[in-house]
Each structure stands twice: as structure tokens, then as C-alpha cells.
Amino acid sequence: MSLAFLFSTLLLTFELFHLWQSVGFTLVILLIFLDVDLRAGEMILEARARQRHYAARRSSLYQVGKRDNNKGVFLVLGCW
């Protein structure tokens, strides 16, 4: 094997390693951004579910309060 062949093989190996390193670095950055984006999406979904839950509770409490407006007062006074 000639010296030029060894040098070109070494240079090609180094360039492929450098290319792989930059591709790997880019993939890591993309995965970090994807993970952050997924976490933000999960937080948005959790906030929406919490809003729906509290809205349903408010609605049901409002309906109960509207329906049984005076029963609670009489119950408290009767127990006292």
C-alpha cells in the first residue's frame, strides 16, 4: 500500500467521523427541541383538562346551589 492511499484513507475516516459527529450533534439538538415541544404540549393538554374539570365542577355546584338554595341553610341551622 502506498503512503498516499493510507493518507487518503485516514483523511476519509476523519472526515466521515467529523460528519457523523456533526450529524449526531444536530440530532441531539433536534431531540432536545422535540422533547421540550412535547412537554409543552403535555402541559397545554393538562391545563385544558384542568379547566374542563373546574368548569364542570363550577357548573355542577351552580346547578346544585340553584336547585337547593335554602336546604343547606336549614340543615346548618337545624344541626346547630
Protein backbone atom coordinates (compact mmCIF):
# COMPACT_ATOMS: atom_id res chain seq x y z
CA MET A 1 0.00 0.00 0.00
CA SER A 2 1.25 3.37 -0.83
CA LEU A 3 1.56 6.26 1.53
CA ALA A 4 -0.97 8.29 -0.47
CA PHE A 5 -3.57 5.53 -0.09
CA LEU A 6 -3.03 5.38 3.68
CA PHE A 7 -3.21 9.15 3.96
CA SER A 8 -6.40 9.35 1.87
CA THR A 9 -7.98 6.53 3.91
CA LEU A 10 -7.08 8.28 7.13
CA LEU A 11 -8.41 11.59 5.82
CA LEU A 12 -11.63 9.95 4.63
CA THR A 13 -12.06 8.26 8.01
CA PHE A 14 -11.53 11.56 9.80
CA GLU A 15 -13.98 13.38 7.51
CA LEU A 16 -16.62 10.67 7.96
CA PHE A 17 -16.16 10.80 11.72
CA HIS A 18 -16.43 14.59 11.65
CA LEU A 19 -19.56 14.38 9.50
CA TRP A 20 -21.06 11.75 11.81
CA GLN A 21 -20.21 13.89 14.82
CA SER A 22 -21.96 16.94 13.35
CA VAL A 23 -24.99 14.85 12.31
CA GLY A 24 -25.13 13.35 15.80
CA PHE A 25 -24.89 16.79 17.37
CA THR A 26 -27.71 18.03 15.13
CA LEU A 27 -29.83 15.02 16.05
CA VAL A 28 -29.26 15.64 19.75
CA ILE A 29 -30.30 19.28 19.38
CA LEU A 30 -33.41 18.27 17.42
CA LEU A 31 -34.33 15.67 20.03
CA ILE A 32 -33.95 18.22 22.81
CA PHE A 33 -36.24 20.65 21.00
CA LEU A 34 -38.70 17.85 20.25
CA ASP A 35 -38.73 16.82 23.91
CA VAL A 36 -39.31 20.42 25.02
CA ASP A 37 -42.10 20.75 22.44
CA LEU A 38 -43.73 17.51 23.62
CA ARG A 39 -43.55 18.62 27.26
CA ALA A 40 -45.12 21.95 26.35
CA GLY A 41 -47.88 20.09 24.51
CA GLU A 42 -48.48 17.86 27.51
CA MET A 43 -48.65 20.88 29.80
CA ILE A 44 -51.19 22.54 27.49
CA LEU A 45 -53.31 19.38 27.43
CA GLU A 46 -53.16 19.09 31.23
CA ALA A 47 -54.16 22.74 31.63
CA ARG A 48 -57.11 22.26 29.27
CA ALA A 49 -58.22 19.14 31.16
CA ARG A 50 -57.94 21.04 34.44
CA GLN A 51 -60.02 23.89 33.01
CA ARG A 52 -62.69 21.45 31.83
CA HIS A 53 -62.69 19.75 35.23
CA TYR A 54 -63.10 23.02 37.13
CA ALA A 55 -65.70 24.27 34.66
CA ALA A 56 -67.68 21.06 35.17
CA ARG A 57 -67.37 21.41 38.95
CA ARG A 58 -68.49 25.04 38.82
CA SER A 59 -71.39 24.12 36.61
CA SER A 60 -72.48 21.24 38.85
CA LEU A 61 -72.05 23.34 42.00
CA TYR A 62 -74.00 26.14 40.40
CA GLN A 63 -76.79 23.73 39.47
CA VAL A 64 -76.84 22.27 43.00
CA GLY A 65 -76.82 25.75 44.52
CA LYS A 66 -79.59 26.85 42.23
CA ARG A 67 -81.68 23.79 42.93
CA ASP A 68 -81.08 23.50 46.70
CA ASN A 69 -80.69 27.14 47.54
CA ASN A 70 -82.27 27.12 51.01
CA LYS A 71 -81.83 23.50 52.06
CA GLY A 72 -78.23 23.99 53.19
CA VAL A 73 -79.13 26.93 55.42
CA PHE A 74 -81.92 25.00 57.13
CA LEU A 75 -79.67 21.97 57.52
CA VAL A 76 -76.92 24.02 59.20
CA LEU A 77 -79.36 25.81 61.49
CA GLY A 78 -81.11 22.54 62.33
CA CYS A 79 -77.83 20.86 63.30
CA TRP A 80 -76.76 23.81 65.42
